[in-house]
Amino acid sequence: MREPSLLPVFGKLGVKAPVAVLPVPVRPAGLAARLRQALASHGATALQLSVVVWTVAILGAAFLFARG
């Protein structure tokens, strides 16, 4: 009995036909995807801003507890 060849089955002798790929800009669908894209482009600034916001929030809470 003859064994099958080890070549890929797609195309003639393993050579695939060229596929035309057109670059299409992908639009993010939901809020999470848009947020991920914004963080990818402005990640360092977002990190610095979040640290400042957390610091102000903690200091504000400490001030309110100290006065109360």
N, C-alpha and C. Protein backbone atom coordinates (compact mmCIF):
# COMPACT_ATOMS: atom_id res chain seq x y z
N MET A 1 0.85 -1.18 0.00
CA MET A 1 0.00 0.00 0.00
C MET A 1 0.90 1.24 0.00
N ARG A 2 0.52 2.24 -0.76
CA ARG A 2 1.32 3.45 -0.92
C ARG A 2 1.00 4.45 0.19
N GLU A 3 2.02 5.07 0.80
CA GLU A 3 1.81 6.06 1.84
C GLU A 3 1.62 7.44 1.21
N PRO A 4 0.81 8.29 1.85
CA PRO A 4 0.61 9.64 1.32
C PRO A 4 1.90 10.46 1.45
N SER A 5 2.04 11.43 0.57
CA SER A 5 3.23 12.28 0.61
C SER A 5 3.17 13.20 1.83
N LEU A 6 4.31 13.71 2.23
CA LEU A 6 4.38 14.59 3.39
C LEU A 6 4.23 16.06 3.01
N LEU A 7 3.99 16.34 1.74
CA LEU A 7 3.81 17.72 1.30
C LEU A 7 2.45 18.25 1.77
N PRO A 8 2.34 19.56 1.98
CA PRO A 8 1.03 20.12 2.34
C PRO A 8 0.02 19.87 1.23
N VAL A 9 -1.22 19.79 1.61
CA VAL A 9 -2.26 19.46 0.65
C VAL A 9 -2.80 20.68 -0.07
N PHE A 10 -2.44 21.88 0.35
CA PHE A 10 -2.97 23.08 -0.26
C PHE A 10 -2.09 23.48 -1.45
N GLY A 11 -2.67 23.63 -2.59
CA GLY A 11 -1.95 24.08 -3.77
C GLY A 11 -1.17 22.95 -4.41
N LYS A 12 -0.55 23.26 -5.52
CA LYS A 12 0.23 22.26 -6.26
C LYS A 12 1.63 22.17 -5.67
N LEU A 13 2.00 21.04 -5.18
CA LEU A 13 3.30 20.77 -4.56
C LEU A 13 3.59 21.72 -3.41
N GLY A 14 2.56 22.06 -2.67
CA GLY A 14 2.75 22.87 -1.49
C GLY A 14 2.87 24.36 -1.74
N VAL A 15 2.70 24.81 -2.98
CA VAL A 15 2.79 26.24 -3.28
C VAL A 15 1.39 26.81 -3.25
N LYS A 16 1.19 27.80 -2.40
CA LYS A 16 -0.13 28.40 -2.28
C LYS A 16 -0.23 29.60 -3.22
N ALA A 17 -1.43 29.84 -3.68
CA ALA A 17 -1.67 31.01 -4.53
C ALA A 17 -1.57 32.27 -3.69
N PRO A 18 -1.00 33.35 -4.24
CA PRO A 18 -0.91 34.59 -3.47
C PRO A 18 -2.29 35.15 -3.19
N VAL A 19 -2.46 35.66 -1.99
CA VAL A 19 -3.74 36.22 -1.57
C VAL A 19 -3.56 37.72 -1.43
N ALA A 20 -4.42 38.48 -2.07
CA ALA A 20 -4.36 39.94 -1.97
C ALA A 20 -4.98 40.36 -0.65
N VAL A 21 -4.22 41.09 0.15
CA VAL A 21 -4.69 41.57 1.44
C VAL A 21 -4.69 43.08 1.40
N LEU A 22 -5.85 43.66 1.61
CA LEU A 22 -5.96 45.11 1.63
C LEU A 22 -6.03 45.58 3.06
N PRO A 23 -5.17 46.52 3.45
CA PRO A 23 -5.23 47.01 4.83
C PRO A 23 -6.47 47.86 5.03
N VAL A 24 -7.30 47.43 5.96
CA VAL A 24 -8.53 48.15 6.27
C VAL A 24 -8.45 48.59 7.73
N PRO A 25 -8.61 49.88 7.99
CA PRO A 25 -8.58 50.32 9.38
C PRO A 25 -9.73 49.71 10.16
N VAL A 26 -9.41 49.16 11.31
CA VAL A 26 -10.42 48.49 12.13
C VAL A 26 -10.93 49.49 13.15
N ARG A 27 -12.24 49.64 13.19
CA ARG A 27 -12.85 50.54 14.16
C ARG A 27 -13.22 49.75 15.40
N PRO A 28 -12.84 50.22 16.56
CA PRO A 28 -13.23 49.51 17.78
C PRO A 28 -14.74 49.51 17.95
N ALA A 29 -15.28 48.39 18.36
CA ALA A 29 -16.73 48.24 18.43
C ALA A 29 -17.29 48.82 19.72
N GLY A 30 -16.72 48.46 20.86
CA GLY A 30 -17.33 48.86 22.12
C GLY A 30 -16.46 49.81 22.91
N LEU A 31 -16.95 50.13 24.08
CA LEU A 31 -16.24 51.05 24.96
C LEU A 31 -14.92 50.46 25.42
N ALA A 32 -14.90 49.18 25.73
CA ALA A 32 -13.67 48.55 26.19
C ALA A 32 -12.59 48.57 25.12
N ALA A 33 -12.99 48.36 23.87
CA ALA A 33 -12.02 48.38 22.78
C ALA A 33 -11.48 49.78 22.56
N ARG A 34 -12.35 50.79 22.66
CA ARG A 34 -11.88 52.17 22.51
C ARG A 34 -10.96 52.57 23.66
N LEU A 35 -11.30 52.13 24.88
CA LEU A 35 -10.45 52.43 26.03
C LEU A 35 -9.10 51.75 25.89
N ARG A 36 -9.08 50.51 25.41
CA ARG A 36 -7.83 49.79 25.19
C ARG A 36 -6.96 50.50 24.16
N GLN A 37 -7.59 51.00 23.09
CA GLN A 37 -6.84 51.71 22.06
C GLN A 37 -6.30 53.03 22.60
N ALA A 38 -7.08 53.73 23.42
CA ALA A 38 -6.61 54.99 24.00
C ALA A 38 -5.45 54.74 24.96
N LEU A 39 -5.54 53.68 25.75
CA LEU A 39 -4.45 53.37 26.67
C LEU A 39 -3.20 52.94 25.93
N ALA A 40 -3.37 52.29 24.78
CA ALA A 40 -2.20 51.88 24.02
C ALA A 40 -1.46 53.08 23.46
N SER A 41 -2.19 54.13 23.11
CA SER A 41 -1.53 55.29 22.53
C SER A 41 -1.12 56.32 23.58
N HIS A 42 -1.80 56.36 24.73
CA HIS A 42 -1.49 57.34 25.78
C HIS A 42 -1.29 56.66 27.13
N GLY A 43 -0.62 55.53 27.15
CA GLY A 43 -0.50 54.74 28.37
C GLY A 43 0.25 55.42 29.49
N ALA A 44 1.39 56.05 29.19
CA ALA A 44 2.20 56.68 30.23
C ALA A 44 1.47 57.87 30.83
N THR A 45 0.81 58.66 30.00
CA THR A 45 0.07 59.81 30.50
C THR A 45 -1.11 59.37 31.35
N ALA A 46 -1.79 58.31 30.94
CA ALA A 46 -2.92 57.80 31.71
C ALA A 46 -2.46 57.28 33.06
N LEU A 47 -1.31 56.63 33.10
CA LEU A 47 -0.78 56.13 34.37
C LEU A 47 -0.44 57.28 35.32
N GLN A 48 0.21 58.30 34.81
CA GLN A 48 0.56 59.46 35.64
C GLN A 48 -0.70 60.16 36.14
N LEU A 49 -1.68 60.31 35.27
CA LEU A 49 -2.92 60.98 35.67
C LEU A 49 -3.66 60.16 36.72
N SER A 50 -3.67 58.84 36.59
CA SER A 50 -4.36 58.02 37.59
C SER A 50 -3.66 58.07 38.94
N VAL A 51 -2.33 58.15 38.94
CA VAL A 51 -1.59 58.27 40.20
C VAL A 51 -1.92 59.60 40.88
N VAL A 52 -2.00 60.66 40.11
CA VAL A 52 -2.33 61.97 40.68
C VAL A 52 -3.75 61.96 41.24
N VAL A 53 -4.69 61.37 40.52
CA VAL A 53 -6.08 61.32 40.99
C VAL A 53 -6.20 60.50 42.26
N TRP A 54 -5.53 59.36 42.33
CA TRP A 54 -5.57 58.54 43.54
C TRP A 54 -4.94 59.27 44.72
N THR A 55 -3.84 59.97 44.48
CA THR A 55 -3.19 60.71 45.56
C THR A 55 -4.10 61.81 46.10
N VAL A 56 -4.73 62.55 45.22
CA VAL A 56 -5.65 63.61 45.64
C VAL A 56 -6.83 63.02 46.39
N ALA A 57 -7.35 61.89 45.93
CA ALA A 57 -8.49 61.26 46.59
C ALA A 57 -8.12 60.79 47.99
N ILE A 58 -6.96 60.19 48.15
CA ILE A 58 -6.54 59.71 49.47
C ILE A 58 -6.27 60.88 50.42
N LEU A 59 -5.60 61.90 49.91
CA LEU A 59 -5.35 63.08 50.75
C LEU A 59 -6.65 63.78 51.12
N GLY A 60 -7.59 63.84 50.21
CA GLY A 60 -8.89 64.45 50.51
C GLY A 60 -9.64 63.66 51.55
N ALA A 61 -9.62 62.33 51.43
CA ALA A 61 -10.30 61.51 52.43
C ALA A 61 -9.63 61.65 53.79
N ALA A 62 -8.31 61.69 53.83
CA ALA A 62 -7.60 61.86 55.10
C ALA A 62 -7.93 63.21 55.72
N PHE A 63 -8.03 64.24 54.90
CA PHE A 63 -8.39 65.57 55.41
C PHE A 63 -9.78 65.58 55.99
N LEU A 64 -10.73 64.94 55.32
CA LEU A 64 -12.11 64.91 55.81
C LEU A 64 -12.21 64.09 57.11
N PHE A 65 -11.46 63.00 57.21
CA PHE A 65 -11.48 62.23 58.44
C PHE A 65 -10.83 62.99 59.58
N ALA A 66 -9.79 63.75 59.29
CA ALA A 66 -9.10 64.50 60.33
C ALA A 66 -9.99 65.64 60.85
N ARG A 67 -10.76 66.24 60.00
CA ARG A 67 -11.63 67.33 60.42
C ARG A 67 -12.87 66.82 61.15
N GLY A 68 -13.30 65.59 60.83
CA GLY A 68 -14.54 65.06 61.40
C GLY A 68 -14.28 64.46 62.70
